[in-house]
Amino acid sequence: DPAVYYCAAESLTLVDYGHICPHRTSAFSYWGQGIQVTVSP
């Protein structure tokens, strides 16, 4: 699970009908800066 985690957003008007969300990075227009999650003993 460790990684940089990003929040991303896309307008519903650009999401295909019947889909909960797009899954491709390129389908999201807006992104946060990312935040580090580290898992370590």
All heavy atoms as atom14 arrays in JSON, in Angstrom:
{
  "sequence": "DPAVYYCAAESLTLVDYGHICPHRTSAFSYWGQGIQVTVSP",
  "atom14_mask": [
    [1, 1, 1, 1, 1, 1, 1, 1, 0, 0, 0, 0, 0, 0],
    [1, 1, 1, 1, 1, 1, 1, 0, 0, 0, 0, 0, 0, 0],
    [1, 1, 1, 1, 1, 0, 0, 0, 0, 0, 0, 0, 0, 0],
    [1, 1, 1, 1, 1, 1, 1, 0, 0, 0, 0, 0, 0, 0],
    [1, 1, 1, 1, 1, 1, 1, 1, 1, 1, 1, 1, 0, 0],
    [1, 1, 1, 1, 1, 1, 1, 1, 1, 1, 1, 1, 0, 0],
    [1, 1, 1, 1, 1, 1, 0, 0, 0, 0, 0, 0, 0, 0],
    [1, 1, 1, 1, 1, 0, 0, 0, 0, 0, 0, 0, 0, 0],
    [1, 1, 1, 1, 1, 0, 0, 0, 0, 0, 0, 0, 0, 0],
    [1, 1, 1, 1, 1, 1, 1, 1, 1, 0, 0, 0, 0, 0],
    [1, 1, 1, 1, 1, 1, 0, 0, 0, 0, 0, 0, 0, 0],
    [1, 1, 1, 1, 1, 1, 1, 1, 0, 0, 0, 0, 0, 0],
    [1, 1, 1, 1, 1, 1, 1, 0, 0, 0, 0, 0, 0, 0],
    [1, 1, 1, 1, 1, 1, 1, 1, 0, 0, 0, 0, 0, 0],
    [1, 1, 1, 1, 1, 1, 1, 0, 0, 0, 0, 0, 0, 0],
    [1, 1, 1, 1, 1, 1, 1, 1, 0, 0, 0, 0, 0, 0],
    [1, 1, 1, 1, 1, 1, 1, 1, 1, 1, 1, 1, 0, 0],
    [1, 1, 1, 1, 0, 0, 0, 0, 0, 0, 0, 0, 0, 0],
    [1, 1, 1, 1, 1, 1, 1, 1, 1, 1, 0, 0, 0, 0],
    [1, 1, 1, 1, 1, 1, 1, 1, 0, 0, 0, 0, 0, 0],
    [1, 1, 1, 1, 1, 1, 0, 0, 0, 0, 0, 0, 0, 0],
    [1, 1, 1, 1, 1, 1, 1, 0, 0, 0, 0, 0, 0, 0],
    [1, 1, 1, 1, 1, 1, 1, 1, 1, 1, 0, 0, 0, 0],
    [1, 1, 1, 1, 1, 1, 1, 1, 1, 1, 1, 0, 0, 0],
    [1, 1, 1, 1, 1, 1, 1, 0, 0, 0, 0, 0, 0, 0],
    [1, 1, 1, 1, 1, 1, 0, 0, 0, 0, 0, 0, 0, 0],
    [1, 1, 1, 1, 1, 0, 0, 0, 0, 0, 0, 0, 0, 0],
    [1, 1, 1, 1, 1, 1, 1, 1, 1, 1, 1, 0, 0, 0],
    [1, 1, 1, 1, 1, 1, 0, 0, 0, 0, 0, 0, 0, 0],
    [1, 1, 1, 1, 1, 1, 1, 1, 1, 1, 1, 1, 0, 0],
    [1, 1, 1, 1, 1, 1, 1, 1, 1, 1, 1, 1, 1, 1],
    [1, 1, 1, 1, 0, 0, 0, 0, 0, 0, 0, 0, 0, 0],
    [1, 1, 1, 1, 1, 1, 1, 1, 1, 0, 0, 0, 0, 0],
    [1, 1, 1, 1, 0, 0, 0, 0, 0, 0, 0, 0, 0, 0],
    [1, 1, 1, 1, 1, 1, 1, 1, 0, 0, 0, 0, 0, 0],
    [1, 1, 1, 1, 1, 1, 1, 1, 1, 0, 0, 0, 0, 0],
    [1, 1, 1, 1, 1, 1, 1, 0, 0, 0, 0, 0, 0, 0],
    [1, 1, 1, 1, 1, 1, 1, 0, 0, 0, 0, 0, 0, 0],
    [1, 1, 1, 1, 1, 1, 1, 0, 0, 0, 0, 0, 0, 0],
    [1, 1, 1, 1, 1, 1, 0, 0, 0, 0, 0, 0, 0, 0],
    [1, 1, 1, 1, 1, 1, 1, 0, 0, 0, 0, 0, 0, 0]
  ],
  "atom14_positions": [
    [[0.77, -1.23, 0.0], [0.0, 0.0, 0.0], [0.81, 1.29, 0.0], [0.28, 2.33, -0.4], [-0.96, 0.03, 1.19], [-2.04, -1.04, 1.11], [-2.51, -1.33, -0.01], [-2.41, -1.57, 2.17], [0.0, 0.0, 0.0], [0.0, 0.0, 0.0], [0.0, 0.0, 0.0], [0.0, 0.0, 0.0], [0.0, 0.0, 0.0], [0.0, 0.0, 0.0]],
    [[2.07, 1.29, 0.46], [2.81, 2.55, 0.48], [2.92, 3.16, -0.91], [3.23, 2.48, -1.88], [4.18, 2.16, 1.03], [3.93, 0.94, 1.84], [2.84, 0.21, 1.12], [0.0, 0.0, 0.0], [0.0, 0.0, 0.0], [0.0, 0.0, 0.0], [0.0, 0.0, 0.0], [0.0, 0.0, 0.0], [0.0, 0.0, 0.0], [0.0, 0.0, 0.0]],
    [[2.69, 4.45, -0.98], [2.72, 5.17, -2.25], [2.41, 6.63, -1.97], [2.06, 7.0, -0.84], [1.68, 4.6, -3.22], [0.0, 0.0, 0.0], [0.0, 0.0, 0.0], [0.0, 0.0, 0.0], [0.0, 0.0, 0.0], [0.0, 0.0, 0.0], [0.0, 0.0, 0.0], [0.0, 0.0, 0.0], [0.0, 0.0, 0.0], [0.0, 0.0, 0.0]],
    [[2.54, 7.44, -3.0], [1.98, 8.77, -2.95], [0.53, 8.65, -3.4], [0.24, 8.11, -4.47], [2.74, 9.75, -3.85], [2.06, 11.11, -3.86], [4.18, 9.89, -3.35], [0.0, 0.0, 0.0], [0.0, 0.0, 0.0], [0.0, 0.0, 0.0], [0.0, 0.0, 0.0], [0.0, 0.0, 0.0], [0.0, 0.0, 0.0], [0.0, 0.0, 0.0]],
    [[-0.37, 9.13, -2.58], [-1.79, 9.06, -2.88], [-2.28, 10.41, -3.37], [-1.96, 11.45, -2.8], [-2.58, 8.64, -1.64], [-2.52, 7.16, -1.36], [-1.34, 6.56, -0.92], [-3.64, 6.35, -1.54], [-1.27, 5.2, -0.69], [-3.59, 4.99, -1.3], [-2.39, 4.42, -0.87], [-2.32, 3.06, -0.62], [0.0, 0.0, 0.0], [0.0, 0.0, 0.0]],
    [[-3.06, 10.37, -4.44], [-3.56, 11.57, -5.09], [-5.08, 11.58, -5.09], [-5.72, 10.57, -5.39], [-3.09, 11.67, -6.54], [-1.6, 11.78, -6.72], [-0.8, 10.65, -6.82], [-0.98, 13.03, -6.8], [0.57, 10.74, -7.0], [0.38, 13.13, -6.99], [1.15, 11.99, -7.08], [2.51, 12.09, -7.27], [0.0, 0.0, 0.0], [0.0, 0.0, 0.0]],
    [[-5.64, 12.72, -4.81], [-7.05, 12.97, -5.0], [-7.25, 13.54, -6.4], [-6.47, 14.39, -6.84], [-7.55, 13.94, -3.93], [-9.27, 14.43, -4.06], [0.0, 0.0, 0.0], [0.0, 0.0, 0.0], [0.0, 0.0, 0.0], [0.0, 0.0, 0.0], [0.0, 0.0, 0.0], [0.0, 0.0, 0.0], [0.0, 0.0, 0.0], [0.0, 0.0, 0.0]],
    [[-8.27, 13.07, -7.1], [-8.53, 13.54, -8.46], [-10.02, 13.72, -8.67], [-10.83, 13.02, -8.07], [-7.97, 12.54, -9.48], [0.0, 0.0, 0.0], [0.0, 0.0, 0.0], [0.0, 0.0, 0.0], [0.0, 0.0, 0.0], [0.0, 0.0, 0.0], [0.0, 0.0, 0.0], [0.0, 0.0, 0.0], [0.0, 0.0, 0.0], [0.0, 0.0, 0.0]],
    [[-10.37, 14.64, -9.55], [-11.78, 14.95, -9.79], [-12.06, 15.14, -11.27], [-11.21, 15.61, -12.02], [-12.19, 16.21, -9.01], [0.0, 0.0, 0.0], [0.0, 0.0, 0.0], [0.0, 0.0, 0.0], [0.0, 0.0, 0.0], [0.0, 0.0, 0.0], [0.0, 0.0, 0.0], [0.0, 0.0, 0.0], [0.0, 0.0, 0.0], [0.0, 0.0, 0.0]],
    [[-13.28, 14.77, -11.66], [-13.74, 14.99, -13.02], [-15.23, 15.28, -13.01], [-15.99, 14.66, -12.27], [-13.45, 13.78, -13.91], [-13.84, 13.98, -15.37], [-13.12, 15.17, -15.99], [-12.0, 14.98, -16.51], [-13.68, 16.29, -15.95], [0.0, 0.0, 0.0], [0.0, 0.0, 0.0], [0.0, 0.0, 0.0], [0.0, 0.0, 0.0], [0.0, 0.0, 0.0]],
    [[-15.64, 16.21, -13.84], [-17.04, 16.6, -13.93], [-17.9, 15.43, -14.37], [-17.52, 14.66, -15.26], [-17.2, 17.77, -14.89], [-18.56, 18.05, -15.11], [0.0, 0.0, 0.0], [0.0, 0.0, 0.0], [0.0, 0.0, 0.0], [0.0, 0.0, 0.0], [0.0, 0.0, 0.0], [0.0, 0.0, 0.0], [0.0, 0.0, 0.0], [0.0, 0.0, 0.0]],
    [[-19.07, 15.31, -13.77], [-20.02, 14.29, -14.18], [-20.4, 14.41, -15.65], [-20.74, 13.41, -16.28], [-21.28, 14.36, -13.32], [-21.23, 13.74, -11.93], [-22.5, 14.08, -11.16], [-21.05, 12.24, -12.02], [0.0, 0.0, 0.0], [0.0, 0.0, 0.0], [0.0, 0.0, 0.0], [0.0, 0.0, 0.0], [0.0, 0.0, 0.0], [0.0, 0.0, 0.0]],
    [[-20.36, 15.6, -16.18], [-20.72, 15.8, -17.58], [-19.77, 15.1, -18.53], [-20.1, 14.89, -19.7], [-20.77, 17.3, -17.92], [-19.47, 17.88, -17.79], [-21.74, 18.03, -17.0], [0.0, 0.0, 0.0], [0.0, 0.0, 0.0], [0.0, 0.0, 0.0], [0.0, 0.0, 0.0], [0.0, 0.0, 0.0], [0.0, 0.0, 0.0], [0.0, 0.0, 0.0]],
    [[-18.58, 14.74, -18.05], [-17.58, 14.08, -18.88], [-17.43, 12.6, -18.54], [-16.56, 11.93, -19.09], [-16.23, 14.79, -18.74], [-16.21, 16.25, -19.17], [-14.84, 16.86, -18.95], [-16.64, 16.39, -20.62], [0.0, 0.0, 0.0], [0.0, 0.0, 0.0], [0.0, 0.0, 0.0], [0.0, 0.0, 0.0], [0.0, 0.0, 0.0], [0.0, 0.0, 0.0]],
    [[-18.26, 12.1, -17.65], [-18.23, 10.7, -17.26], [-19.27, 9.94, -18.05], [-20.42, 10.35, -18.14], [-18.48, 10.54, -15.74], [-18.55, 9.07, -15.36], [-17.39, 11.25, -14.96], [0.0, 0.0, 0.0], [0.0, 0.0, 0.0], [0.0, 0.0, 0.0], [0.0, 0.0, 0.0], [0.0, 0.0, 0.0], [0.0, 0.0, 0.0], [0.0, 0.0, 0.0]],
    [[-18.86, 8.81, -18.62], [-19.77, 8.01, -19.43], [-20.98, 7.58, -18.63], [-20.87, 7.21, -17.45], [-19.06, 6.78, -19.98], [-18.04, 7.11, -21.05], [-18.09, 8.22, -21.59], [-17.2, 6.24, -21.34], [0.0, 0.0, 0.0], [0.0, 0.0, 0.0], [0.0, 0.0, 0.0], [0.0, 0.0, 0.0], [0.0, 0.0, 0.0], [0.0, 0.0, 0.0]],
    [[-22.12, 7.59, -19.27], [-23.35, 7.14, -18.64], [-23.21, 5.69, -18.19], [-22.71, 4.84, -18.93], [-24.52, 7.28, -19.61], [-25.84, 6.82, -19.04], [-26.58, 7.67, -18.22], [-26.33, 5.55, -19.3], [-27.79, 7.25, -17.7], [-27.53, 5.13, -18.78], [-28.26, 5.98, -17.97], [-29.46, 5.57, -17.45], [0.0, 0.0, 0.0], [0.0, 0.0, 0.0]],
    [[-23.67, 5.41, -16.98], [-23.63, 4.06, -16.45], [-22.36, 3.71, -15.7], [-22.29, 2.66, -15.06], [0.0, 0.0, 0.0], [0.0, 0.0, 0.0], [0.0, 0.0, 0.0], [0.0, 0.0, 0.0], [0.0, 0.0, 0.0], [0.0, 0.0, 0.0], [0.0, 0.0, 0.0], [0.0, 0.0, 0.0], [0.0, 0.0, 0.0], [0.0, 0.0, 0.0]],
    [[-21.38, 4.58, -15.75], [-20.13, 4.37, -15.02], [-20.17, 5.1, -13.69], [-20.66, 6.22, -13.59], [-18.94, 4.86, -15.83], [-18.58, 3.99, -16.98], [-19.47, 3.68, -17.99], [-17.42, 3.36, -17.3], [-18.88, 2.91, -18.88], [-17.64, 2.71, -18.48], [0.0, 0.0, 0.0], [0.0, 0.0, 0.0], [0.0, 0.0, 0.0], [0.0, 0.0, 0.0]],
    [[-19.66, 4.45, -12.66], [-19.5, 5.14, -11.38], [-18.42, 6.19, -11.51], [-18.62, 7.37, -11.19], [-19.16, 4.15, -10.26], [-20.31, 3.16, -10.06], [-18.85, 4.89, -8.97], [-19.98, 2.04, -9.1], [0.0, 0.0, 0.0], [0.0, 0.0, 0.0], [0.0, 0.0, 0.0], [0.0, 0.0, 0.0], [0.0, 0.0, 0.0], [0.0, 0.0, 0.0]],
    [[-17.28, 5.76, -12.01], [-16.15, 6.64, -12.21], [-15.33, 6.14, -13.38], [-15.29, 4.94, -13.65], [-15.22, 6.67, -10.99], [-15.94, 7.32, -9.47], [0.0, 0.0, 0.0], [0.0, 0.0, 0.0], [0.0, 0.0, 0.0], [0.0, 0.0, 0.0], [0.0, 0.0, 0.0], [0.0, 0.0, 0.0], [0.0, 0.0, 0.0], [0.0, 0.0, 0.0]],
    [[-14.63, 7.05, -14.05], [-13.59, 6.57, -14.96], [-12.44, 6.0, -14.16], [-12.26, 6.34, -12.98], [-13.18, 7.83, -15.72], [-13.51, 8.95, -14.78], [-14.72, 8.5, -14.02], [0.0, 0.0, 0.0], [0.0, 0.0, 0.0], [0.0, 0.0, 0.0], [0.0, 0.0, 0.0], [0.0, 0.0, 0.0], [0.0, 0.0, 0.0], [0.0, 0.0, 0.0]],
    [[-11.66, 5.14, -14.79], [-10.56, 4.49, -14.09], [-9.19, 4.89, -14.6], [-8.19, 4.56, -13.96], [-10.71, 2.97, -14.17], [-12.01, 2.47, -13.61], [-12.47, 2.84, -12.37], [-12.95, 1.64, -14.14], [-13.64, 2.26, -12.15], [-13.95, 1.52, -13.2], [0.0, 0.0, 0.0], [0.0, 0.0, 0.0], [0.0, 0.0, 0.0], [0.0, 0.0, 0.0]],
    [[-9.14, 5.58, -15.71], [-7.87, 5.99, -16.28], [-7.42, 7.33, -15.69], [-8.23, 8.24, -15.48], [-7.97, 6.13, -17.8], [-8.28, 4.83, -18.54], [-8.53, 5.13, -20.0], [-9.65, 6.05, -20.17], [-9.92, 6.73, -21.27], [-9.13, 6.61, -22.33], [-10.97, 7.53, -21.33], [0.0, 0.0, 0.0], [0.0, 0.0, 0.0], [0.0, 0.0, 0.0]],
    [[-6.14, 7.42, -15.46], [-5.57, 8.68, -15.0], [-5.92, 9.84, -15.92], [-6.27, 10.93, -15.46], [-4.05, 8.55, -14.88], [-3.72, 7.52, -13.93], [-3.43, 9.86, -14.41], [0.0, 0.0, 0.0], [0.0, 0.0, 0.0], [0.0, 0.0, 0.0], [0.0, 0.0, 0.0], [0.0, 0.0, 0.0], [0.0, 0.0, 0.0], [0.0, 0.0, 0.0]],
    [[-5.87, 9.57, -17.22], [-6.1, 10.61, -18.21], [-7.53, 11.12, -18.23], [-7.8, 12.18, -18.79], [-5.72, 10.1, -19.6], [-6.51, 8.98, -19.96], [0.0, 0.0, 0.0], [0.0, 0.0, 0.0], [0.0, 0.0, 0.0], [0.0, 0.0, 0.0], [0.0, 0.0, 0.0], [0.0, 0.0, 0.0], [0.0, 0.0, 0.0], [0.0, 0.0, 0.0]],
    [[-8.44, 10.4, -17.6], [-9.84, 10.81, -17.59], [-10.15, 11.84, -16.51], [-11.25, 12.39, -16.5], [-10.74, 9.59, -17.41], [0.0, 0.0, 0.0], [0.0, 0.0, 0.0], [0.0, 0.0, 0.0], [0.0, 0.0, 0.0], [0.0, 0.0, 0.0], [0.0, 0.0, 0.0], [0.0, 0.0, 0.0], [0.0, 0.0, 0.0], [0.0, 0.0, 0.0]],
    [[-9.21, 12.08, -15.63], [-9.41, 13.04, -14.55], [-8.66, 14.33, -14.86], [-7.47, 14.3, -15.15], [-8.95, 12.47, -13.21], [-9.87, 11.42, -12.66], [-9.84, 10.12, -13.13], [-10.79, 11.75, -11.68], [-10.69, 9.16, -12.64], [-11.65, 10.79, -11.17], [-11.61, 9.5, -11.64], [0.0, 0.0, 0.0], [0.0, 0.0, 0.0], [0.0, 0.0, 0.0]],
    [[-9.37, 15.42, -14.78], [-8.81, 16.71, -15.17], [-8.11, 17.44, -14.04], [-7.23, 18.27, -14.29], [-9.91, 17.61, -15.74], [-10.49, 17.06, -16.91], [0.0, 0.0, 0.0], [0.0, 0.0, 0.0], [0.0, 0.0, 0.0], [0.0, 0.0, 0.0], [0.0, 0.0, 0.0], [0.0, 0.0, 0.0], [0.0, 0.0, 0.0], [0.0, 0.0, 0.0]],
    [[-8.5, 17.16, -12.81], [-8.01, 17.93, -11.68], [-7.39, 17.01, -10.64], [-7.94, 15.96, -10.31], [-9.15, 18.74, -11.06], [-9.85, 19.6, -12.08], [-11.05, 19.18, -12.65], [-9.3, 20.8, -12.5], [-11.69, 19.95, -13.6], [-9.93, 21.57, -13.45], [-11.12, 21.14, -14.0], [-11.75, 21.91, -14.95], [0.0, 0.0, 0.0], [0.0, 0.0, 0.0]],
    [[-6.25, 17.44, -10.12], [-5.45, 16.62, -9.22], [-4.94, 17.41, -8.04], [-4.59, 18.59, -8.17], [-4.26, 16.01, -9.97], [-4.65, 15.03, -11.02], [-5.05, 15.3, -12.29], [-4.69, 13.61, -10.87], [-5.34, 14.13, -12.95], [-5.13, 13.08, -12.11], [-4.41, 12.74, -9.82], [-5.29, 11.72, -12.32], [-4.56, 11.38, -10.03], [-4.99, 10.89, -11.27]],
    [[-4.89, 16.74, -6.9], [-4.2, 17.3, -5.76], [-2.7, 17.11, -5.9], [-2.2, 16.55, -6.88], [0.0, 0.0, 0.0], [0.0, 0.0, 0.0], [0.0, 0.0, 0.0], [0.0, 0.0, 0.0], [0.0, 0.0, 0.0], [0.0, 0.0, 0.0], [0.0, 0.0, 0.0], [0.0, 0.0, 0.0], [0.0, 0.0, 0.0], [0.0, 0.0, 0.0]],
    [[-1.98, 17.58, -4.92], [-0.52, 17.57, -4.98], [0.08, 16.21, -4.61], [1.26, 15.97, -4.87], [0.06, 18.65, -4.07], [0.09, 18.31, -2.58], [-1.26, 18.4, -1.9], [-2.26, 18.77, -2.5], [-1.3, 18.05, -0.61], [0.0, 0.0, 0.0], [0.0, 0.0, 0.0], [0.0, 0.0, 0.0], [0.0, 0.0, 0.0], [0.0, 0.0, 0.0]],
    [[-0.71, 15.35, -4.01], [-0.24, 14.06, -3.58], [0.21, 14.08, -2.13], [0.7, 15.09, -1.63], [0.0, 0.0, 0.0], [0.0, 0.0, 0.0], [0.0, 0.0, 0.0], [0.0, 0.0, 0.0], [0.0, 0.0, 0.0], [0.0, 0.0, 0.0], [0.0, 0.0, 0.0], [0.0, 0.0, 0.0], [0.0, 0.0, 0.0], [0.0, 0.0, 0.0]],
    [[0.04, 12.96, -1.46], [0.44, 12.85, -0.06], [1.01, 11.47, 0.17], [0.51, 10.46, -0.33], [-0.75, 13.14, 0.89], [-0.29, 13.25, 2.34], [-1.86, 12.1, 0.74], [-1.33, 13.88, 3.24], [0.0, 0.0, 0.0], [0.0, 0.0, 0.0], [0.0, 0.0, 0.0], [0.0, 0.0, 0.0], [0.0, 0.0, 0.0], [0.0, 0.0, 0.0]],
    [[2.09, 11.41, 0.94], [2.83, 10.17, 1.14], [2.16, 9.3, 2.2], [1.8, 9.77, 3.28], [4.27, 10.48, 1.56], [5.13, 9.23, 1.79], [5.45, 8.52, 0.5], [5.9, 9.15, -0.46], [5.21, 7.21, 0.45], [0.0, 0.0, 0.0], [0.0, 0.0, 0.0], [0.0, 0.0, 0.0], [0.0, 0.0, 0.0], [0.0, 0.0, 0.0]],
    [[2.04, 8.03, 1.87], [1.62, 7.02, 2.83], [2.74, 6.0, 2.93], [3.15, 5.41, 1.92], [0.3, 6.34, 2.42], [0.01, 5.13, 3.32], [-0.84, 7.33, 2.48], [0.0, 0.0, 0.0], [0.0, 0.0, 0.0], [0.0, 0.0, 0.0], [0.0, 0.0, 0.0], [0.0, 0.0, 0.0], [0.0, 0.0, 0.0], [0.0, 0.0, 0.0]],
    [[3.24, 5.79, 4.12], [4.34, 4.87, 4.35], [3.9, 3.79, 5.33], [3.3, 4.09, 6.37], [5.57, 5.61, 4.89], [5.97, 6.62, 3.97], [6.73, 4.64, 5.1], [0.0, 0.0, 0.0], [0.0, 0.0, 0.0], [0.0, 0.0, 0.0], [0.0, 0.0, 0.0], [0.0, 0.0, 0.0], [0.0, 0.0, 0.0], [0.0, 0.0, 0.0]],
    [[4.2, 2.55, 5.0], [3.9, 1.42, 5.88], [5.22, 0.76, 6.23], [5.92, 0.25, 5.35], [2.95, 0.42, 5.21], [2.65, -0.74, 6.16], [1.66, 1.1, 4.79], [0.0, 0.0, 0.0], [0.0, 0.0, 0.0], [0.0, 0.0, 0.0], [0.0, 0.0, 0.0], [0.0, 0.0, 0.0], [0.0, 0.0, 0.0], [0.0, 0.0, 0.0]],
    [[5.54, 0.78, 7.49], [6.84, 0.27, 7.92], [6.75, -0.2, 9.36], [6.06, 0.4, 10.17], [7.91, 1.35, 7.79], [9.17, 0.89, 8.24], [0.0, 0.0, 0.0], [0.0, 0.0, 0.0], [0.0, 0.0, 0.0], [0.0, 0.0, 0.0], [0.0, 0.0, 0.0], [0.0, 0.0, 0.0], [0.0, 0.0, 0.0], [0.0, 0.0, 0.0]],
    [[7.47, -1.28, 9.68], [7.49, -1.75, 11.07], [8.1, -0.71, 12.0], [8.96, 0.09, 11.6], [8.36, -3.0, 11.01], [8.32, -3.43, 9.58], [8.23, -2.18, 8.79], [0.0, 0.0, 0.0], [0.0, 0.0, 0.0], [0.0, 0.0, 0.0], [0.0, 0.0, 0.0], [0.0, 0.0, 0.0], [0.0, 0.0, 0.0], [0.0, 0.0, 0.0]]
  ]
}
